[in-house]
């Protein structure tokens, strides 16, 4: 015989069912009370933790937690021929995988459209920031260059994967060590040292801060997986370690407050957030 549920448990079950059946109304009721379902204020961010070097088989790695969103990233370096029209440039190849194991919203099979879009956005962010000069990845001009495969996998998804993955990729690249190489022009072979390894030349460290616009009026920092689908617009502000603006991207339409007011609010909030993170490793400038 099943034991009767207590009143608090019964209310929690009812709230969970209502949340699934009427997510828009559920969020609206919290917003009307100036709070979010997870208890945060509109402008509050979730905690970030970063651990590096945990993947021994990678040339660099990082594990990042942004709230309950967890991203693991590994960097694998390979030697390749440069492109004919760019003989003095190496390659940086970022990719994000969103497997079915990280969230019920993703299904088994080939990469989802969301993963491909996020991978393209991450590539744009790393390229725009100039985090690593392609010239610094050259072993011998026209003959051999480094290719850095920056592969990230989400192992638990609770929204804002873009911000979390960019943090993981930057941390993994900062953790990367490449063997010292010599190129023999006579044999055309590249020799790598097993003992002598050097860090990458990191020129700039991009950090993204994303916001969701709900009901064309309310700006929510660092949206969760429950909040994300209900947002009219997502805005990501990317800044470097000195607080300089790198880029602003927008997905969706802005509300009646106007694009200038909304974007300026997000940029100002991102500057405040970036300033606070300066004292927190690994974001120390």
Foldseek 3Di string as FASTA:
>chain_A
DDDDDDPVVVVVVVLVVCCVVPVQVNQVVQVVVQAGPVGHGQLDFADKDKDWDPDVVALIWMWMDGPNWIKIKGKHKDKDFDDPVCQQFEEEQEFEAEACQADVVDDDDDGDPVRVVLSVVLVVQCVLFCQAGRNQQDQDGRQIGMYIYIYMYINHAWAPVSQRSLVGSLRRLQGGWAFRWHADPVVSDIDGDPPHIHHGDGPWRKGKWKWFAAPLPGIGTGHTPSCVVRGQKMKIWIATLVLHTRDIDMDHDHHPVDPVVVVVVRSVSVSVVSVVCCVPPPSPD
